[in-house]
Amino acid sequence: MRPKTEEAHVLAAASFAELARCYIALVDRVSTLTAHVFLTECARLLPLVYAAGISLPEVEPDDDSDSASKARVASPMGPLAALLGDRGFYHEVFDPVFDEQAIGASIPDDLADIYTDLANPLRAFEDGDITEALWAWRFNMHGHCGDHLVDCLRPIHRLIHDHMPHDWVAPGHLA
C-alpha cells in the first residue's frame, strides 16, 4: 500500500471505528434505557453507520491475518428481545426487487447482527489489523449487516413515531 493510500485507509477505519463504538456502547447499555429512547437513538445513529460503511475503501484482506480465528463477540439478542417484547416483530419483503411475499422479521435479530458485524472487526482494528477491519466492515455493510440495518429502520421509525408511547415497557420487562 502506498503511504497516502495507507493514511487514507487508517483515517477511514478510525472514523468508522468511532461510529461502531457508539453503536456498541448504545446496545451495551440497553438495559438502562426505555424502548422508545433506545430505538430513537438507533434511528439517529444507524443511518450514519450505513452511510459511512458503504463509503469505506475497498481493500483486500491480508493472507496472514489471524483475526478470523479470534474469539467472537457475544450476541446481545436476549436483552434486545426483552426490551422490545412483541413490538420487536415486523413484516418485510426479503428482496423488494424480485420478491412479493412478506416474511416475518425481528428488530432484536437485526440489531444483534449489526452489533456483531461491527464489533468483531472492531477487535481486529483495536489489535492494529486495519486492513482486516476495513475489509470485514465493508464486506458486512455491502451484504449481511447492510441488509439488517436498512430492514430495521422502517419499523423502528414506525414504532417511535406511531406505535410506541415514550413510557411503553414490554410485558415482563423491568422498567
Protein backbone atom coordinates (compact mmCIF):
# COMPACT_ATOMS: atom_id res chain seq x y z
CA MET A 1 0.00 0.00 0.00
CA ARG A 2 1.28 3.47 -0.84
CA PRO A 3 1.76 5.87 2.11
CA LYS A 4 -1.08 8.27 1.09
CA THR A 5 -3.44 5.38 0.48
CA GLU A 6 -2.45 3.81 3.77
CA GLU A 7 -3.04 7.08 5.61
CA ALA A 8 -6.47 7.45 3.99
CA HIS A 9 -7.36 3.88 4.99
CA VAL A 10 -6.27 4.49 8.58
CA LEU A 11 -8.41 7.65 8.73
CA ALA A 12 -11.44 5.88 7.22
CA ALA A 13 -11.05 2.97 9.62
CA ALA A 14 -10.64 5.24 12.64
CA SER A 15 -13.72 7.25 11.70
CA PHE A 16 -15.83 4.15 11.16
CA ALA A 17 -14.47 2.55 14.34
CA GLU A 18 -15.80 5.52 16.31
CA LEU A 19 -19.30 5.01 14.87
CA ALA A 20 -19.06 1.29 15.62
CA ARG A 21 -18.05 2.06 19.22
CA CYS A 22 -21.03 4.42 19.58
CA TYR A 23 -23.46 1.76 18.39
CA ILE A 24 -21.86 -0.95 20.53
CA ALA A 25 -22.00 1.32 23.60
CA LEU A 26 -25.66 2.08 22.91
CA VAL A 27 -26.56 -1.61 22.72
CA ASP A 28 -24.40 -2.43 25.75
CA ARG A 29 -26.49 -0.06 27.87
CA VAL A 30 -29.85 -1.27 26.53
CA SER A 31 -30.96 -2.47 29.97
CA THR A 32 -30.72 1.10 31.30
CA LEU A 33 -32.92 2.67 28.61
CA THR A 34 -36.60 2.66 27.76
CA ALA A 35 -37.53 1.04 24.46
CA HIS A 36 -38.52 4.41 23.00
CA VAL A 37 -35.25 6.12 23.97
CA PHE A 38 -33.20 3.18 22.73
CA LEU A 39 -34.97 2.99 19.36
CA THR A 40 -34.79 6.78 18.94
CA GLU A 41 -31.02 6.61 19.43
CA CYS A 42 -30.85 3.74 16.91
CA ALA A 43 -32.82 5.86 14.43
CA ARG A 44 -30.26 8.66 14.82
CA LEU A 45 -27.12 6.52 14.72
CA LEU A 46 -27.80 3.71 12.23
CA PRO A 47 -28.10 5.94 9.13
CA LEU A 48 -24.67 7.40 9.96
CA VAL A 49 -23.22 3.89 10.30
CA TYR A 50 -24.74 2.89 6.97
CA ALA A 51 -23.55 5.99 5.10
CA ALA A 52 -20.02 5.63 6.44
CA GLY A 53 -19.97 1.85 5.95
CA ILE A 54 -20.90 1.85 2.28
CA SER A 55 -18.25 4.53 1.69
CA LEU A 56 -15.36 2.53 3.19
CA PRO A 57 -12.43 2.00 0.82
CA GLU A 58 -12.09 -1.31 -0.95
CA VAL A 59 -9.17 -3.33 0.41
CA GLU A 60 -8.05 -6.94 0.21
CA PRO A 61 -7.56 -8.83 3.47
CA ASP A 62 -4.05 -9.94 4.33
CA ASP A 63 -3.42 -13.62 3.70
CA ASP A 64 -1.61 -13.91 7.01
CA SER A 65 -4.35 -12.29 9.11
CA ASP A 66 -5.40 -14.36 12.10
CA SER A 67 -8.41 -12.21 13.05
CA ALA A 68 -10.87 -14.86 11.90
CA SER A 69 -9.54 -17.29 14.47
CA LYS A 70 -10.09 -14.93 17.42
CA ALA A 71 -13.00 -15.23 19.84
CA ARG A 72 -16.25 -13.86 18.53
CA VAL A 73 -18.28 -11.18 20.30
CA ALA A 74 -21.36 -12.49 22.12
CA SER A 75 -24.72 -11.57 20.63
CA PRO A 76 -26.87 -9.12 22.62
CA MET A 77 -30.07 -10.75 21.31
CA GLY A 78 -31.51 -11.60 24.74
CA PRO A 79 -31.52 -8.09 26.22
CA LEU A 80 -32.77 -6.61 22.93
CA ALA A 81 -35.64 -9.10 22.71
CA ALA A 82 -36.55 -8.46 26.36
CA LEU A 83 -36.62 -4.69 25.81
CA LEU A 84 -38.84 -4.83 22.73
CA GLY A 85 -41.10 -7.79 23.53
CA ASP A 86 -43.75 -8.37 20.87
CA ARG A 87 -43.06 -4.91 19.39
CA GLY A 88 -39.81 -6.32 18.02
CA PHE A 89 -41.50 -8.21 15.19
CA TYR A 90 -42.36 -6.84 11.76
CA HIS A 91 -43.01 -7.94 8.17
CA GLU A 92 -40.79 -7.25 5.20
CA VAL A 93 -40.17 -8.38 1.66
CA PHE A 94 -36.75 -10.03 1.66
CA ASP A 95 -35.75 -8.88 -1.81
CA PRO A 96 -38.04 -5.96 -2.71
CA VAL A 97 -36.89 -6.04 -6.33
CA PHE A 98 -37.93 -9.65 -7.05
CA ASP A 99 -39.95 -10.99 -4.10
CA GLU A 100 -43.60 -10.22 -3.48
CA GLN A 101 -44.41 -12.20 -0.35
CA ALA A 102 -43.77 -10.67 3.04
CA ILE A 103 -41.87 -12.64 5.66
CA GLY A 104 -41.57 -12.21 9.40
CA ALA A 105 -38.52 -10.38 10.73
CA SER A 106 -37.18 -9.27 14.10
CA ILE A 107 -35.74 -5.92 15.17
CA PRO A 108 -33.77 -7.59 18.00
CA ASP A 109 -32.24 -10.02 15.49
CA ASP A 110 -31.41 -7.15 13.12
CA LEU A 111 -29.81 -5.05 15.85
CA ALA A 112 -27.92 -8.01 17.34
CA ASP A 113 -26.48 -8.96 13.93
CA ILE A 114 -25.46 -5.34 13.29
CA TYR A 115 -23.75 -5.36 16.69
CA THR A 116 -21.68 -8.48 15.99
CA ASP A 117 -20.91 -7.41 12.41
CA LEU A 118 -19.45 -4.16 13.78
CA ALA A 119 -17.88 -5.47 16.98
CA ASN A 120 -15.92 -8.40 15.57
CA PRO A 121 -13.96 -6.28 13.04
CA LEU A 122 -13.54 -3.63 15.74
CA ARG A 123 -11.44 -6.16 17.64
CA ALA A 124 -9.19 -6.53 14.60
CA PHE A 125 -8.95 -2.73 14.33
CA GLU A 126 -8.04 -2.39 18.00
CA ASP A 127 -5.41 -5.12 17.56
CA GLY A 128 -3.85 -2.99 14.79
CA ASP A 129 -5.13 -5.02 11.82
CA ILE A 130 -6.63 -2.07 9.96
CA THR A 131 -6.85 -3.82 6.60
CA GLU A 132 -8.74 -6.78 8.06
CA ALA A 133 -11.13 -4.46 9.90
CA LEU A 134 -11.79 -2.35 6.80
CA TRP A 135 -12.33 -5.39 4.64
CA ALA A 136 -14.74 -7.01 7.11
CA TRP A 137 -16.73 -3.83 7.79
CA ARG A 138 -17.06 -3.08 4.08
CA PHE A 139 -17.98 -6.68 3.24
CA ASN A 140 -20.56 -6.74 6.05
CA MET A 141 -22.06 -3.36 5.13
CA HIS A 142 -22.44 -4.32 1.48
CA GLY A 143 -24.20 -7.54 2.50
CA HIS A 144 -25.47 -9.03 5.75
CA CYS A 145 -25.07 -6.04 8.07
CA GLY A 146 -26.31 -3.55 5.50
CA ASP A 147 -29.42 -5.65 4.87
CA HIS A 148 -30.24 -5.84 8.58
CA LEU A 149 -29.57 -2.13 9.02
CA VAL A 150 -31.83 -0.88 6.25
CA ASP A 151 -34.50 -3.50 7.02
CA CYS A 152 -34.94 -2.42 10.63
CA LEU A 153 -35.01 1.35 10.07
CA ARG A 154 -38.57 1.49 8.77
CA PRO A 155 -40.16 -0.48 11.62
CA ILE A 156 -38.06 1.50 14.13
CA HIS A 157 -39.36 4.70 12.53
CA ARG A 158 -42.95 3.46 12.75
CA LEU A 159 -42.56 2.36 16.37
CA ILE A 160 -41.08 5.58 17.70
CA HIS A 161 -43.46 7.85 15.77
CA ASP A 162 -46.72 5.87 15.68
CA HIS A 163 -46.86 2.73 17.82
CA MET A 164 -44.77 3.15 20.95
CA PRO A 165 -45.54 5.73 23.62
CA HIS A 166 -42.48 7.19 25.35
CA ASP A 167 -43.23 5.25 28.54
CA TRP A 168 -44.02 1.88 26.88
CA VAL A 169 -42.49 -1.16 28.59
CA ALA A 170 -42.62 -4.71 27.24
CA PRO A 171 -44.72 -7.02 29.41
CA GLY A 172 -42.39 -8.78 31.85
CA HIS A 173 -39.54 -6.30 31.27
CA LEU A 174 -38.31 -4.39 34.27
CA ALA A 175 -38.51 -0.66 33.66
